Amino acid sequence: MSIVIRPREMPVRPDPSAFRVLLRGEQTGGVLSAIEQTLRPKAFITPHTHANDVWVQVLSGSVGALVGDEIVIADAGDWILKPRDVVHAMWNAGELPATIVELLTPAGSEVWFEKISEIAADDTEGFQRSCREFGIEFLPDSPWTNKIRERFNL
């Protein structure tokens, strides 16, 4: 295992957010991975679950999050925990981009981000197949989706 790890630039998915992989699972023995992500103004990552924990540090701007039944707003320097198997969502209600770093434990989800960056925006089945492969389940019927959209003007 390396002591110094240099991030690689990865493809950027234009909607709803841009990302790059900072740390890959194979660089950490599968313990964790990290991505940097920019949430565009009014971006909304709808309610979903996954099988790993995600620690989010807000680098710039403000980010809203639903975790379970709790809504929080985190500003630059703050951390948010999105525990595994707990429904959560994330958004940028502001007028400027917000930048975050996500620590994914255990690693593996960084590959999902890479795969979805290669899927055409209108390829719903390809996106769903990738989600199933990585244990990610979006919840299209969640009552939180409309509540959050309305409350935060997304």
Protein backbone atom coordinates (compact mmCIF):
# COMPACT_ATOMS: atom_id res chain seq x y z
CA MET A 1 0.00 0.00 0.00
CA SER A 2 1.32 3.47 -0.91
CA ILE A 3 1.96 6.18 1.62
CA VAL A 4 1.28 8.95 -0.91
CA ILE A 5 -1.65 8.48 -3.27
CA ARG A 6 -2.25 10.86 -6.16
CA PRO A 7 -5.84 11.25 -7.42
CA ARG A 8 -6.71 10.53 -11.04
CA GLU A 9 -8.99 12.73 -13.06
CA MET A 10 -12.07 10.74 -14.03
CA PRO A 11 -14.95 11.40 -16.43
CA VAL A 12 -17.43 13.97 -15.21
CA ARG A 13 -21.17 13.30 -15.29
CA PRO A 14 -22.77 16.63 -16.20
CA ASP A 15 -26.08 16.09 -14.42
CA PRO A 16 -26.81 16.45 -11.54
CA SER A 17 -23.22 16.76 -10.37
CA ALA A 18 -19.60 16.59 -11.41
CA PHE A 19 -17.19 14.26 -9.62
CA ARG A 20 -13.68 12.91 -9.60
CA VAL A 21 -12.26 9.93 -7.76
CA LEU A 22 -9.68 10.98 -5.19
CA LEU A 23 -8.97 7.60 -3.62
CA ARG A 24 -9.74 4.14 -5.00
CA GLY A 25 -10.55 0.99 -3.07
CA GLU A 26 -7.57 -0.88 -4.48
CA GLN A 27 -5.34 1.84 -3.00
CA THR A 28 -6.68 1.23 0.52
CA GLY A 29 -7.16 -2.51 0.61
CA GLY A 30 -10.90 -1.94 0.15
CA VAL A 31 -11.25 -0.06 3.43
CA LEU A 32 -12.40 3.23 1.92
CA SER A 33 -12.54 5.33 -1.18
CA ALA A 34 -13.11 9.05 -1.68
CA ILE A 35 -14.68 11.23 -4.33
CA GLU A 36 -14.92 14.99 -4.75
CA GLN A 37 -18.26 16.13 -6.08
CA THR A 38 -19.70 19.46 -7.14
CA LEU A 39 -23.44 19.90 -6.69
CA ARG A 40 -24.79 22.45 -9.10
CA PRO A 41 -27.32 25.01 -7.85
CA LYS A 42 -30.70 23.34 -7.26
CA ALA A 43 -29.20 19.83 -7.73
CA PHE A 44 -31.17 17.13 -5.91
CA ILE A 45 -30.00 13.57 -5.36
CA THR A 46 -33.31 11.90 -4.55
CA PRO A 47 -33.97 9.49 -1.65
CA HIS A 48 -32.02 6.25 -1.84
CA THR A 49 -30.14 3.67 0.22
CA HIS A 50 -26.86 1.81 -0.20
CA ALA A 51 -24.83 -0.81 1.60
CA ASN A 52 -21.95 1.39 2.75
CA ASP A 53 -21.47 4.36 5.06
CA VAL A 54 -20.74 7.73 3.48
CA TRP A 55 -19.08 10.57 5.34
CA VAL A 56 -19.57 13.92 3.58
CA GLN A 57 -17.46 17.00 4.23
CA VAL A 58 -18.74 20.24 2.76
CA LEU A 59 -15.82 22.14 1.25
CA SER A 60 -17.76 25.10 -0.13
CA GLY A 61 -21.35 26.26 -0.13
CA SER A 62 -24.17 24.65 1.83
CA VAL A 63 -25.63 21.19 1.37
CA GLY A 64 -28.95 19.89 2.61
CA ALA A 65 -29.42 16.27 3.55
CA LEU A 66 -32.21 13.97 4.58
CA VAL A 67 -30.94 11.15 6.81
CA GLY A 68 -33.70 8.84 8.01
CA ASP A 69 -36.42 11.30 9.02
CA GLU A 70 -34.08 14.18 9.85
CA ILE A 71 -33.30 17.14 7.58
CA VAL A 72 -30.01 18.95 8.16
CA ILE A 73 -28.13 21.78 6.49
CA ALA A 74 -24.33 21.61 6.50
CA ASP A 75 -22.01 24.50 5.69
CA ALA A 76 -18.35 24.58 4.64
CA GLY A 77 -16.28 22.61 7.14
CA ASP A 78 -19.23 20.56 8.43
CA TRP A 79 -19.56 16.78 8.13
CA ILE A 80 -22.68 14.71 7.43
CA LEU A 81 -22.94 10.95 8.03
CA LYS A 82 -25.17 8.97 5.68
CA PRO A 83 -25.22 5.51 7.34
CA ARG A 84 -25.58 2.33 5.32
CA ASP A 85 -29.10 1.08 4.68
CA VAL A 86 -30.67 4.34 5.95
CA VAL A 87 -32.78 6.38 3.51
CA HIS A 88 -31.06 9.62 2.63
CA ALA A 89 -31.03 12.37 0.02
CA MET A 90 -28.80 15.37 -0.64
CA TRP A 91 -29.23 18.72 -2.39
CA ASN A 92 -27.87 22.17 -3.03
CA ALA A 93 -30.65 24.73 -2.55
CA GLY A 94 -28.27 27.64 -3.13
CA GLU A 95 -27.56 29.76 -6.17
CA LEU A 96 -23.86 28.78 -6.30
CA PRO A 97 -22.22 25.36 -6.70
CA ALA A 98 -21.38 23.43 -3.53
CA THR A 99 -18.32 21.19 -3.34
CA ILE A 100 -18.06 18.12 -1.12
CA VAL A 101 -15.74 15.21 -0.44
CA GLU A 102 -17.37 11.85 0.24
CA LEU A 103 -15.53 9.11 2.14
CA LEU A 104 -17.09 5.77 1.20
CA THR A 105 -16.64 2.92 3.69
CA PRO A 106 -16.08 0.24 2.65
CA ALA A 107 -14.80 1.14 -0.79
CA GLY A 108 -16.48 0.17 -4.04
CA SER A 109 -19.01 2.89 -4.77
CA GLU A 110 -16.38 4.97 -6.55
CA VAL A 111 -16.67 2.44 -9.38
CA TRP A 112 -20.43 3.06 -9.52
CA PHE A 113 -19.79 6.78 -10.06
CA GLU A 114 -17.44 5.91 -12.92
CA LYS A 115 -19.95 3.52 -14.49
CA ILE A 116 -22.86 5.95 -14.38
CA SER A 117 -20.69 8.64 -15.94
CA GLU A 118 -20.55 6.42 -19.03
CA ILE A 119 -24.32 5.79 -19.20
CA ALA A 120 -26.37 7.99 -21.51
CA ALA A 121 -28.68 10.36 -19.62
CA ASP A 122 -31.76 8.71 -21.14
CA ASP A 123 -30.61 5.11 -20.43
CA THR A 124 -32.85 4.42 -17.43
CA GLU A 125 -32.36 0.65 -17.61
CA GLY A 126 -28.56 1.00 -17.74
CA PHE A 127 -28.65 3.29 -14.71
CA GLN A 128 -30.91 0.90 -12.78
CA ARG A 129 -28.73 -2.09 -13.71
CA SER A 130 -25.65 -0.26 -12.39
CA CYS A 131 -27.49 0.62 -9.17
CA ARG A 132 -28.48 -3.03 -8.64
CA GLU A 133 -24.90 -4.15 -9.26
CA PHE A 134 -23.61 -1.87 -6.49
CA GLY A 135 -26.47 -2.30 -3.99
CA ILE A 136 -27.87 1.19 -4.50
CA GLU A 137 -31.65 1.57 -4.45
CA PHE A 138 -33.34 4.83 -5.42
CA LEU A 139 -36.84 5.21 -3.99
CA PRO A 140 -39.01 6.88 -6.66
CA ASP A 141 -42.16 6.62 -4.51
CA SER A 142 -40.61 8.23 -1.43
CA PRO A 143 -42.92 10.88 0.06
CA TRP A 144 -39.77 12.88 0.87
CA THR A 145 -39.08 13.69 -2.78
CA ASN A 146 -41.92 16.17 -3.26
CA LYS A 147 -41.62 17.54 0.30
CA ILE A 148 -37.94 18.37 -0.20
CA ARG A 149 -38.45 19.76 -3.72
CA GLU A 150 -41.20 22.10 -2.47
CA ARG A 151 -39.53 23.14 0.79
CA PHE A 152 -36.16 23.94 -0.81
CA ASN A 153 -37.40 25.10 -4.23
CA LEU A 154 -35.53 22.39 -6.16
